[in-house]
PDB file of N, CA and C in Angstrom:
ATOM      1  N   MET A   1       0.848  -1.302  -0.020  1.00  0.00           N
ATOM      2  CA  MET A   1      -0.084   0.186  -0.039  1.00  0.00           C
ATOM      3  C   MET A   1       0.968   1.165   0.181  1.00  0.00           C
ATOM      4  N   LEU A   2       1.911   1.336   0.720  1.00  0.00           N
ATOM      5  CA  LEU A   2       2.673   2.284   0.969  1.00  0.00           C
ATOM      6  C   LEU A   2       4.169   2.375   0.234  1.00  0.00           C
ATOM      7  N   ASN A   3       4.218   1.537  -0.953  1.00  0.00           N
ATOM      8  CA  ASN A   3       5.395   1.125  -1.453  1.00  0.00           C
ATOM      9  C   ASN A   3       6.000   2.634  -2.184  1.00  0.00           C
ATOM     10  N   TRP A   4       4.564   3.137  -2.558  1.00  0.00           N
ATOM     11  CA  TRP A   4       5.430   3.988  -3.477  1.00  0.00           C
ATOM     12  C   TRP A   4       6.050   5.353  -2.864  1.00  0.00           C
ATOM     13  N   LEU A   5       6.201   5.250  -1.438  1.00  0.00           N
ATOM     14  CA  LEU A   5       6.777   5.898  -0.383  1.00  0.00           C
ATOM     15  C   LEU A   5       8.122   5.661  -0.386  1.00  0.00           C
ATOM     16  N   ARG A   6       8.579   4.441  -1.015  1.00  0.00           N
ATOM     17  CA  ARG A   6      10.236   3.842  -0.885  1.00  0.00           C
ATOM     18  C   ARG A   6      10.420   3.993  -2.250  1.00  0.00           C
ATOM     19  N   SER A   7       9.806   4.642  -3.248  1.00  0.00           N
ATOM     20  CA  SER A   7      10.253   4.675  -4.752  1.00  0.00           C
ATOM     21  C   SER A   7      11.505   5.749  -4.773  1.00  0.00           C
ATOM     22  N   PRO A   8      12.193   5.333  -5.745  1.00  0.00           N
ATOM     23  CA  PRO A   8      13.229   6.386  -5.709  1.00  0.00           C
ATOM     24  C   PRO A   8      13.018   7.963  -6.280  1.00  0.00           C
ATOM     25  N   LEU A   9      11.882   7.900  -7.033  1.00  0.00           N
ATOM     26  CA  LEU A   9      11.599   9.281  -7.462  1.00  0.00           C
ATOM     27  C   LEU A   9      11.082   9.972  -6.200  1.00  0.00           C
ATOM     28  N   VAL A  10      10.435   9.420  -5.186  1.00  0.00           N
ATOM     29  CA  VAL A  10       9.895  10.088  -4.027  1.00  0.00           C
ATOM     30  C   VAL A  10      11.031  10.364  -3.181  1.00  0.00           C
ATOM     31  N   ALA A  11      11.895   9.421  -2.981  1.00  0.00           N
ATOM     32  CA  ALA A  11      13.212   9.627  -2.339  1.00  0.00           C
ATOM     33  C   ALA A  11      13.828  10.669  -2.576  1.00  0.00           C
ATOM     34  N   GLU A  12      14.092  11.135  -4.294  1.00  0.00           N
ATOM     35  CA  GLU A  12      15.060  12.074  -4.758  1.00  0.00           C
ATOM     36  C   GLU A  12      14.197  13.537  -4.634  1.00  0.00           C
ATOM     37  N   TRP A  13      13.091  13.640  -5.033  1.00  0.00           N
ATOM     38  CA  TRP A  13      12.324  14.799  -4.755  1.00  0.00           C
ATOM     39  C   TRP A  13      12.121  15.057  -3.111  1.00  0.00           C
ATOM     40  N   ALA A  14      12.095  14.170  -2.252  1.00  0.00           N
ATOM     41  CA  ALA A  14      12.073  14.673  -0.810  1.00  0.00           C
ATOM     42  C   ALA A  14      13.511  14.923  -0.752  1.00  0.00           C
ATOM     43  N   SER A  15      14.296  14.502  -0.690  1.00  0.00           N
ATOM     44  CA  SER A  15      15.509  15.124  -0.640  1.00  0.00           C
ATOM     45  C   SER A  15      16.016  16.453  -0.828  1.00  0.00           C
ATOM     46  N   ALA A  16      15.857  16.872  -2.204  1.00  0.00           N
ATOM     47  CA  ALA A  16      15.656  17.722  -2.999  1.00  0.00           C
ATOM     48  C   ALA A  16      15.352  18.798  -2.360  1.00  0.00           C
ATOM     49  N   SER A  17      13.855  18.707  -1.622  1.00  0.00           N
ATOM     50  CA  SER A  17      13.057  19.526  -1.041  1.00  0.00           C
ATOM     51  C   SER A  17      13.381  19.756   0.574  1.00  0.00           C
ATOM     52  N   ALA A  18      13.850  18.737   0.944  1.00  0.00           N
ATOM     53  CA  ALA A  18      14.598  19.212   2.273  1.00  0.00           C
ATOM     54  C   ALA A  18      16.142  20.103   1.920  1.00  0.00           C
ATOM     55  N   VAL A  19      16.721  19.987   1.162  1.00  0.00           N
ATOM     56  CA  VAL A  19      17.889  20.695   0.840  1.00  0.00           C
ATOM     57  C   VAL A  19      17.343  22.361   0.886  1.00  0.00           C
ATOM     58  N   VAL A  20      16.421  22.314  -0.028  1.00  0.00           N
ATOM     59  CA  VAL A  20      15.894  23.778  -0.525  1.00  0.00           C
ATOM     60  C   VAL A  20      15.140  24.246   0.857  1.00  0.00           C
ATOM     61  N   LEU A  21      13.975  23.180   1.638  1.00  0.00           N
ATOM     62  CA  LEU A  21      13.713  24.014   2.830  1.00  0.00           C
ATOM     63  C   LEU A  21      14.614  24.362   3.970  1.00  0.00           C
ATOM     64  N   VAL A  22      15.891  23.433   4.093  1.00  0.00           N
ATOM     65  CA  VAL A  22      16.640  23.802   5.285  1.00  0.00           C
ATOM     66  C   VAL A  22      17.328  24.960   4.889  1.00  0.00           C
ATOM     67  N   SER A  23      17.952  25.298   3.653  1.00  0.00           N
ATOM     68  CA  SER A  23      18.567  26.346   3.401  1.00  0.00           C
ATOM     69  C   SER A  23      17.707  27.524   3.465  1.00  0.00           C
ATOM     70  N   ALA A  24      16.775  27.518   3.085  1.00  0.00           N
ATOM     71  CA  ALA A  24      15.611  28.806   3.309  1.00  0.00           C
ATOM     72  C   ALA A  24      15.425  28.918   4.725  1.00  0.00           C
ATOM     73  N   MET A  25      15.228  28.335   5.633  1.00  0.00           N
ATOM     74  CA  MET A  25      15.364  28.462   7.006  1.00  0.00           C
ATOM     75  C   MET A  25      16.583  28.894   7.805  1.00  0.00           C
ATOM     76  N   VAL A  26      17.676  28.475   7.137  1.00  0.00           N
ATOM     77  CA  VAL A  26      18.746  28.567   7.796  1.00  0.00           C
ATOM     78  C   VAL A  26      18.951  30.190   7.120  1.00  0.00           C
ATOM     79  N   GLY A  27      18.999  30.487   6.263  1.00  0.00           N
ATOM     80  CA  GLY A  27      19.156  31.471   5.520  1.00  0.00           C
ATOM     81  C   GLY A  27      18.081  32.881   6.002  1.00  0.00           C
ATOM     82  N   ASP A  28      17.203  32.466   6.169  1.00  0.00           N
ATOM     83  CA  ASP A  28      15.947  33.067   6.959  1.00  0.00           C
ATOM     84  C   ASP A  28      16.738  33.638   8.572  1.00  0.00           C
ATOM     85  N   HIS A  29      17.202  32.567   9.060  1.00  0.00           N
ATOM     86  CA  HIS A  29      17.601  32.854  10.334  1.00  0.00           C
ATOM     87  C   HIS A  29      18.937  33.673  10.489  1.00  0.00           C
ATOM     88  N   ALA A  30      19.778  33.191   9.408  1.00  0.00           N
ATOM     89  CA  ALA A  30      20.837  33.967   9.540  1.00  0.00           C
ATOM     90  C   ALA A  30      20.600  35.482   9.084  1.00  0.00           C
ATOM     91  N   ARG A  31      19.766  36.165   8.224  1.00  0.00           N
ATOM     92  CA  ARG A  31      19.470  37.442   8.163  1.00  0.00           C
ATOM     93  C   ARG A  31      19.116  38.183   9.305  1.00  0.00           C
ATOM     94  N   ALA A  32      18.430  37.512  10.122  1.00  0.00           N
ATOM     95  CA  ALA A  32      17.915  37.725  11.481  1.00  0.00           C
ATOM     96  C   ALA A  32      18.825  38.109  12.292  1.00  0.00           C
ATOM     97  N   GLY A  33      19.860  37.402  12.044  1.00  0.00           N
ATOM     98  CA  GLY A  33      21.081  37.540  13.403  1.00  0.00           C
ATOM     99  C   GLY A  33      21.308  36.241  14.057  1.00  0.00           C
ATOM    100  N   MET A  34      22.575  35.512  13.992  1.00  0.00           N
ATOM    101  CA  MET A  34      22.736  34.354  14.313  1.00  0.00           C
ATOM    102  C   MET A  34      23.962  34.335  15.216  1.00  0.00           C
ATOM    103  N   ASN A  35      23.950  33.719  16.563  1.00  0.00           N
ATOM    104  CA  ASN A  35      25.318  33.553  17.307  1.00  0.00           C
ATOM    105  C   ASN A  35      25.993  32.363  16.590  1.00  0.00           C
ATOM    106  N   SER A  36      27.512  32.165  17.214  1.00  0.00           N
ATOM    107  CA  SER A  36      28.227  31.304  16.585  1.00  0.00           C
ATOM    108  C   SER A  36      27.497  29.693  16.808  1.00  0.00           C
ATOM    109  N   VAL A  37      26.903  29.385  17.878  1.00  0.00           N
ATOM    110  CA  VAL A  37      26.237  28.089  18.298  1.00  0.00           C
ATOM    111  C   VAL A  37      25.216  27.950  17.228  1.00  0.00           C
ATOM    112  N   GLN A  38      24.202  28.753  16.747  1.00  0.00           N
ATOM    113  CA  GLN A  38      23.229  28.891  15.919  1.00  0.00           C
ATOM    114  C   GLN A  38      23.867  28.567  14.591  1.00  0.00           C
ATOM    115  N   TRP A  39      24.883  29.276  14.361  1.00  0.00           N
ATOM    116  CA  TRP A  39      25.560  29.188  12.821  1.00  0.00           C
ATOM    117  C   TRP A  39      26.134  27.628  12.723  1.00  0.00           C
ATOM    118  N   ALA A  40      26.584  27.219  13.980  1.00  0.00           N
ATOM    119  CA  ALA A  40      27.422  25.630  13.723  1.00  0.00           C
ATOM    120  C   ALA A  40      26.026  24.822  13.712  1.00  0.00           C
ATOM    121  N   GLY A  41      24.817  25.078  14.151  1.00  0.00           N
ATOM    122  CA  GLY A  41      23.467  24.247  14.085  1.00  0.00           C
ATOM    123  C   GLY A  41      23.113  24.415  12.538  1.00  0.00           C
ATOM    124  N   GLY A  42      22.960  25.438  11.914  1.00  0.00           N
ATOM    125  CA  GLY A  42      22.887  25.844  10.644  1.00  0.00           C
ATOM    126  C   GLY A  42      23.706  25.112   9.566  1.00  0.00           C
ATOM    127  N   VAL A  43      24.718  25.064  10.082  1.00  0.00           N
ATOM    128  CA  VAL A  43      25.898  24.298   9.111  1.00  0.00           C
ATOM    129  C   VAL A  43      25.706  22.710   8.952  1.00  0.00           C
ATOM    130  N   ALA A  44      25.497  22.437  10.514  1.00  0.00           N
ATOM    131  CA  ALA A  44      24.981  20.897  10.595  1.00  0.00           C
ATOM    132  C   ALA A  44      23.999  20.455   9.725  1.00  0.00           C
ATOM    133  N   ALA A  45      22.701  21.304  10.052  1.00  0.00           N
ATOM    134  CA  ALA A  45      21.854  21.064   9.255  1.00  0.00           C
ATOM    135  C   ALA A  45      21.710  20.951   7.760  1.00  0.00           C
ATOM    136  N   MET A  46      22.624  22.151   7.140  1.00  0.00           N
ATOM    137  CA  MET A  46      22.663  21.995   5.618  1.00  0.00           C
ATOM    138  C   MET A  46      23.330  20.825   5.396  1.00  0.00           C
ATOM    139  N   LEU A  47      24.467  20.351   6.299  1.00  0.00           N
ATOM    140  CA  LEU A  47      25.313  19.436   6.026  1.00  0.00           C
ATOM    141  C   LEU A  47      24.515  17.867   5.893  1.00  0.00           C
ATOM    142  N   GLY A  48      23.620  17.724   6.725  1.00  0.00           N
ATOM    143  CA  GLY A  48      22.681  16.822   6.743  1.00  0.00           C
ATOM    144  C   GLY A  48      21.719  16.544   5.643  1.00  0.00           C
ATOM    145  N   ALA A  49      21.161  17.516   4.966  1.00  0.00           N
ATOM    146  CA  ALA A  49      20.243  17.779   4.082  1.00  0.00           C
ATOM    147  C   ALA A  49      21.058  17.329   2.817  1.00  0.00           C
ATOM    148  N   VAL A  50      22.068  18.047   2.589  1.00  0.00           N
ATOM    149  CA  VAL A  50      23.136  17.547   1.358  1.00  0.00           C
ATOM    150  C   VAL A  50      23.549  16.331   1.357  1.00  0.00           C
ATOM    151  N   SER A  51      23.883  15.977   2.464  1.00  0.00           N
ATOM    152  CA  SER A  51      24.167  14.243   2.457  1.00  0.00           C
ATOM    153  C   SER A  51      23.073  13.200   2.278  1.00  0.00           C
ATOM    154  N   TRP A  52      21.984  13.587   2.650  1.00  0.00           N
ATOM    155  CA  TRP A  52      20.911  12.841   2.450  1.00  0.00           C
ATOM    156  C   TRP A  52      20.685  12.877   0.610  1.00  0.00           C
ATOM    157  N   ALA A  53      20.707  13.989   0.310  1.00  0.00           N
ATOM    158  CA  ALA A  53      20.340  14.137  -1.082  1.00  0.00           C
ATOM    159  C   ALA A  53      21.638  13.517  -2.032  1.00  0.00           C
ATOM    160  N   VAL A  54      23.016  13.491  -1.562  1.00  0.00           N
ATOM    161  CA  VAL A  54      23.976  12.674  -2.076  1.00  0.00           C
ATOM    162  C   VAL A  54      23.686  11.567  -2.234  1.00  0.00           C
ATOM    163  N   ILE A  55      23.425  10.886  -0.650  1.00  0.00           N
ATOM    164  CA  ILE A  55      23.131   9.302  -0.551  1.00  0.00           C
ATOM    165  C   ILE A  55      22.430   8.732  -1.479  1.00  0.00           C
ATOM    166  N   VAL A  56      21.237   9.925  -1.650  1.00  0.00           N
ATOM    167  CA  VAL A  56      19.917   9.081  -2.490  1.00  0.00           C
ATOM    168  C   VAL A  56      20.288   9.065  -3.936  1.00  0.00           C
ATOM    169  N   ARG A  57      21.055   9.729  -4.397  1.00  0.00           N
ATOM    170  CA  ARG A  57      21.562   9.816  -5.723  1.00  0.00           C
ATOM    171  C   ARG A  57      22.458   8.922  -6.053  1.00  0.00           C
ATOM    172  N   VAL A  58      23.511   8.559  -4.906  1.00  0.00           N
ATOM    173  CA  VAL A  58      24.828   7.823  -5.408  1.00  0.00           C
ATOM    174  C   VAL A  58      24.875   6.300  -4.952  1.00  0.00           C
ATOM    175  N   TRP A  59      24.030   6.050  -3.905  1.00  0.00           N
ATOM    176  CA  TRP A  59      23.930   4.792  -3.226  1.00  0.00           C
ATOM    177  C   TRP A  59      23.359   3.710  -4.321  1.00  0.00           C
ATOM    178  N   LYS A  60      23.834   2.705  -4.493  1.00  0.00           N
ATOM    179  CA  LYS A  60      23.199   1.728  -5.349  1.00  0.00           C
ATOM    180  C   LYS A  60      22.106   1.187  -4.619  1.00  0.00           C
ATOM    181  N   ASP A  61      21.173   0.594  -5.567  1.00  0.00           N
ATOM    182  CA  ASP A  61      20.022   0.065  -4.925  1.00  0.00           C
ATOM    183  C   ASP A  61      20.487  -1.775  -4.580  1.00  0.00           C
ATOM    184  N   GLN A  62      20.259  -2.004  -3.574  1.00  0.00           N
ATOM    185  CA  GLN A  62      20.506  -3.304  -2.949  1.00  0.00           C
ATOM    186  C   GLN A  62      19.603  -4.391  -3.222  1.00  0.00           C
ATOM    187  N   ALA A  63      18.610  -3.897  -3.743  1.00  0.00           N
ATOM    188  CA  ALA A  63      17.684  -5.114  -4.083  1.00  0.00           C
ATOM    189  C   ALA A  63      17.711  -5.545  -5.601  1.00  0.00           C
ATOM    190  N   ALA A  64      18.413  -4.345  -6.411  1.00  0.00           N
ATOM    191  CA  ALA A  64      18.603  -4.649  -7.775  1.00  0.00           C
ATOM    192  C   ALA A  64      19.464  -5.718  -7.917  1.00  0.00           C
ATOM    193  N   GLU A  65      20.696  -5.826  -7.184  1.00  0.00           N
ATOM    194  CA  GLU A  65      21.777  -6.921  -7.336  1.00  0.00           C
ATOM    195  C   GLU A  65      21.208  -8.260  -6.909  1.00  0.00           C
TER     196      GLU A  65
END
């Protein structure tokens, strides 16, 4: 029933949306002013979102083997 949630197309769009959403949120908070701890959190969030997007696109499908 929920197999469409695990499809590669949904994973790619979800990861791309996460990158855009996280970058918009971090950018908005940066514009308002952030201290160094908040900057570190923003960088960690961006690295996580970008890592997810890279993993989704690069990682080989284990079921295909």
